[in-house]
Amino acid sequence: MKRINVTLSGGDRQTVDTVRSHGYHRARETNRAHILAALDDHLPDAQIGAVLGVSRKVIWRTRSAYEEYGLAYALH
């Protein structure tokens, strides 16, 4: 199965960085922001899962939510 690369736009990248750096977001939102940032850096799914402690399914769902519906939907 071919991996779909995620490339965040400038505004999306700034939003993801803001969510990652401020502590008032829910843990799931922060994890999804970490996933999107790692995907934008083209890290392998196995490495993302090992570092964040999430399954490949969570990574896949976050990636597809971003691709289909955008950043707001993928984070929330």
N, C-alpha and C. Protein backbone atom coordinates (compact mmCIF):
# COMPACT_ATOMS: atom_id res chain seq x y z
N MET A 1 0.83 -1.16 0.00
CA MET A 1 0.00 0.00 0.00
C MET A 1 0.89 1.24 0.00
N LYS A 2 0.59 2.15 -0.90
CA LYS A 2 1.39 3.36 -1.03
C LYS A 2 1.01 4.36 0.05
N ARG A 3 2.01 4.94 0.67
CA ARG A 3 1.79 5.93 1.72
C ARG A 3 1.45 7.28 1.09
N ILE A 4 0.45 7.94 1.64
CA ILE A 4 0.06 9.27 1.19
C ILE A 4 0.80 10.28 2.06
N ASN A 5 1.60 11.13 1.45
CA ASN A 5 2.34 12.13 2.21
C ASN A 5 1.46 13.31 2.53
N VAL A 6 1.63 13.83 3.73
CA VAL A 6 0.89 15.01 4.17
C VAL A 6 1.83 16.20 4.10
N THR A 7 1.36 17.28 3.48
CA THR A 7 2.11 18.52 3.44
C THR A 7 1.20 19.62 3.97
N LEU A 8 1.54 20.14 5.12
CA LEU A 8 0.74 21.18 5.74
C LEU A 8 1.03 22.53 5.08
N SER A 9 -0.01 23.33 4.91
CA SER A 9 0.19 24.69 4.41
C SER A 9 0.79 25.54 5.52
N GLY A 10 1.22 26.73 5.19
CA GLY A 10 1.84 27.60 6.18
C GLY A 10 0.93 27.90 7.36
N GLY A 11 -0.33 28.22 7.07
CA GLY A 11 -1.29 28.50 8.14
C GLY A 11 -1.61 27.28 8.97
N ASP A 12 -1.74 26.13 8.31
CA ASP A 12 -2.01 24.88 9.03
C ASP A 12 -0.83 24.52 9.92
N ARG A 13 0.38 24.71 9.42
CA ARG A 13 1.58 24.40 10.21
C ARG A 13 1.65 25.28 11.45
N GLN A 14 1.30 26.55 11.29
CA GLN A 14 1.31 27.47 12.43
C GLN A 14 0.27 27.05 13.46
N THR A 15 -0.91 26.65 13.02
CA THR A 15 -1.96 26.20 13.94
C THR A 15 -1.53 24.95 14.67
N VAL A 16 -0.94 24.00 13.96
CA VAL A 16 -0.46 22.76 14.57
C VAL A 16 0.61 23.07 15.62
N ASP A 17 1.53 23.95 15.30
CA ASP A 17 2.58 24.33 16.25
C ASP A 17 1.99 25.01 17.48
N THR A 18 0.95 25.82 17.30
CA THR A 18 0.30 26.47 18.42
C THR A 18 -0.38 25.45 19.33
N VAL A 19 -1.07 24.49 18.75
CA VAL A 19 -1.72 23.45 19.55
C VAL A 19 -0.67 22.64 20.31
N ARG A 20 0.43 22.35 19.67
CA ARG A 20 1.48 21.55 20.31
C ARG A 20 2.18 22.29 21.44
N SER A 21 2.25 23.62 21.37
CA SER A 21 3.04 24.36 22.35
C SER A 21 2.23 24.92 23.52
N HIS A 22 0.92 24.94 23.43
CA HIS A 22 0.09 25.45 24.52
C HIS A 22 -0.60 24.30 25.24
N GLY A 23 -0.67 24.36 26.54
CA GLY A 23 -1.18 23.26 27.34
C GLY A 23 -2.66 23.25 27.59
N TYR A 24 -3.43 24.11 26.95
CA TYR A 24 -4.86 24.15 27.25
C TYR A 24 -5.72 23.37 26.26
N HIS A 25 -5.12 22.56 25.43
CA HIS A 25 -5.88 21.73 24.51
C HIS A 25 -6.03 20.32 25.09
N ARG A 26 -7.02 19.62 24.63
CA ARG A 26 -7.23 18.24 25.07
C ARG A 26 -6.08 17.36 24.59
N ALA A 27 -5.85 16.30 25.32
CA ALA A 27 -4.73 15.40 25.00
C ALA A 27 -4.86 14.81 23.61
N ARG A 28 -6.05 14.44 23.21
CA ARG A 28 -6.24 13.86 21.87
C ARG A 28 -5.94 14.87 20.77
N GLU A 29 -6.34 16.11 20.99
CA GLU A 29 -6.05 17.15 20.01
C GLU A 29 -4.54 17.38 19.90
N THR A 30 -3.88 17.39 21.04
CA THR A 30 -2.43 17.57 21.03
C THR A 30 -1.74 16.40 20.34
N ASN A 31 -2.20 15.18 20.61
CA ASN A 31 -1.62 14.01 19.94
C ASN A 31 -1.82 14.08 18.43
N ARG A 32 -3.00 14.49 18.01
CA ARG A 32 -3.27 14.60 16.57
C ARG A 32 -2.39 15.67 15.94
N ALA A 33 -2.16 16.76 16.66
CA ALA A 33 -1.26 17.80 16.16
C ALA A 33 0.16 17.26 16.03
N HIS A 34 0.60 16.47 17.00
CA HIS A 34 1.92 15.85 16.93
C HIS A 34 2.01 14.91 15.73
N ILE A 35 0.94 14.15 15.50
CA ILE A 35 0.91 13.22 14.37
C ILE A 35 1.02 13.99 13.05
N LEU A 36 0.23 15.04 12.90
CA LEU A 36 0.26 15.82 11.66
C LEU A 36 1.62 16.47 11.44
N ALA A 37 2.24 16.96 12.51
CA ALA A 37 3.56 17.57 12.37
C ALA A 37 4.59 16.52 11.95
N ALA A 38 4.50 15.33 12.52
CA ALA A 38 5.43 14.26 12.16
C ALA A 38 5.20 13.80 10.72
N LEU A 39 3.95 13.72 10.30
CA LEU A 39 3.65 13.35 8.92
C LEU A 39 4.17 14.41 7.95
N ASP A 40 4.07 15.67 8.35
CA ASP A 40 4.58 16.76 7.52
C ASP A 40 6.11 16.68 7.40
N ASP A 41 6.76 16.16 8.43
CA ASP A 41 8.22 15.97 8.40
C ASP A 41 8.61 14.66 7.72
N HIS A 42 7.62 13.92 7.21
CA HIS A 42 7.81 12.67 6.46
C HIS A 42 8.47 11.58 7.31
N LEU A 43 8.10 11.50 8.58
CA LEU A 43 8.59 10.42 9.43
C LEU A 43 7.76 9.17 9.17
N PRO A 44 8.36 7.99 9.31
CA PRO A 44 7.62 6.75 9.09
C PRO A 44 6.55 6.53 10.16
N ASP A 45 5.46 5.90 9.75
CA ASP A 45 4.36 5.64 10.68
C ASP A 45 4.80 4.84 11.90
N ALA A 46 5.68 3.87 11.70
CA ALA A 46 6.14 3.05 12.82
C ALA A 46 6.86 3.90 13.86
N GLN A 47 7.65 4.85 13.42
CA GLN A 47 8.37 5.72 14.35
C GLN A 47 7.40 6.66 15.08
N ILE A 48 6.43 7.19 14.36
CA ILE A 48 5.44 8.07 14.98
C ILE A 48 4.67 7.30 16.06
N GLY A 49 4.25 6.10 15.71
CA GLY A 49 3.50 5.28 16.66
C GLY A 49 4.32 4.92 17.89
N ALA A 50 5.59 4.61 17.70
CA ALA A 50 6.44 4.24 18.82
C ALA A 50 6.68 5.41 19.76
N VAL A 51 6.91 6.57 19.22
CA VAL A 51 7.21 7.75 20.04
C VAL A 51 5.95 8.25 20.76
N LEU A 52 4.83 8.32 20.04
CA LEU A 52 3.61 8.87 20.63
C LEU A 52 2.75 7.83 21.33
N GLY A 53 3.03 6.56 21.11
CA GLY A 53 2.25 5.50 21.73
C GLY A 53 0.86 5.35 21.15
N VAL A 54 0.75 5.55 19.83
CA VAL A 54 -0.52 5.40 19.14
C VAL A 54 -0.40 4.31 18.08
N SER A 55 -1.54 3.78 17.68
CA SER A 55 -1.54 2.71 16.68
C SER A 55 -1.49 3.27 15.27
N ARG A 56 -1.20 2.39 14.32
CA ARG A 56 -1.19 2.80 12.91
C ARG A 56 -2.58 3.28 12.48
N LYS A 57 -3.61 2.70 13.09
CA LYS A 57 -4.97 3.08 12.75
C LYS A 57 -5.24 4.54 13.12
N VAL A 58 -4.76 4.99 14.27
CA VAL A 58 -4.93 6.38 14.69
C VAL A 58 -4.20 7.31 13.71
N ILE A 59 -3.00 6.93 13.32
CA ILE A 59 -2.23 7.72 12.36
C ILE A 59 -2.96 7.79 11.03
N TRP A 60 -3.46 6.66 10.57
CA TRP A 60 -4.18 6.61 9.31
C TRP A 60 -5.44 7.47 9.35
N ARG A 61 -6.20 7.38 10.45
CA ARG A 61 -7.42 8.17 10.57
C ARG A 61 -7.13 9.67 10.60
N THR A 62 -6.08 10.05 11.30
CA THR A 62 -5.71 11.46 11.37
C THR A 62 -5.29 11.97 10.00
N ARG A 63 -4.49 11.17 9.30
CA ARG A 63 -4.04 11.55 7.94
C ARG A 63 -5.23 11.69 7.00
N SER A 64 -6.12 10.71 7.00
CA SER A 64 -7.24 10.76 6.06
C SER A 64 -8.23 11.87 6.43
N ALA A 65 -8.42 12.14 7.72
CA ALA A 65 -9.29 13.24 8.12
C ALA A 65 -8.74 14.57 7.64
N TYR A 66 -7.44 14.76 7.73
CA TYR A 66 -6.82 15.99 7.25
C TYR A 66 -6.97 16.11 5.73
N GLU A 67 -6.70 15.04 5.02
CA GLU A 67 -6.76 15.06 3.57
C GLU A 67 -8.18 15.31 3.07
N GLU A 68 -9.18 14.72 3.73
CA GLU A 68 -10.54 14.81 3.24
C GLU A 68 -11.28 16.07 3.71
N TYR A 69 -11.07 16.45 4.98
CA TYR A 69 -11.90 17.51 5.56
C TYR A 69 -11.14 18.72 6.08
N GLY A 70 -9.82 18.65 6.15
CA GLY A 70 -9.05 19.80 6.59
C GLY A 70 -8.57 19.71 8.03
N LEU A 71 -7.86 20.73 8.44
CA LEU A 71 -7.19 20.74 9.73
C LEU A 71 -8.14 20.74 10.92
N ALA A 72 -9.15 21.58 10.89
CA ALA A 72 -10.06 21.68 12.03
C ALA A 72 -10.71 20.33 12.32
N TYR A 73 -11.13 19.65 11.29
CA TYR A 73 -11.77 18.33 11.48
C TYR A 73 -10.76 17.30 11.99
N ALA A 74 -9.55 17.35 11.47
CA ALA A 74 -8.53 16.37 11.88
C ALA A 74 -8.13 16.54 13.33
N LEU A 75 -8.09 17.77 13.82
CA LEU A 75 -7.70 18.00 15.21
C LEU A 75 -8.82 17.71 16.19
N HIS A 76 -10.05 17.97 15.82
CA HIS A 76 -11.16 17.84 16.75
C HIS A 76 -11.92 16.61 16.39
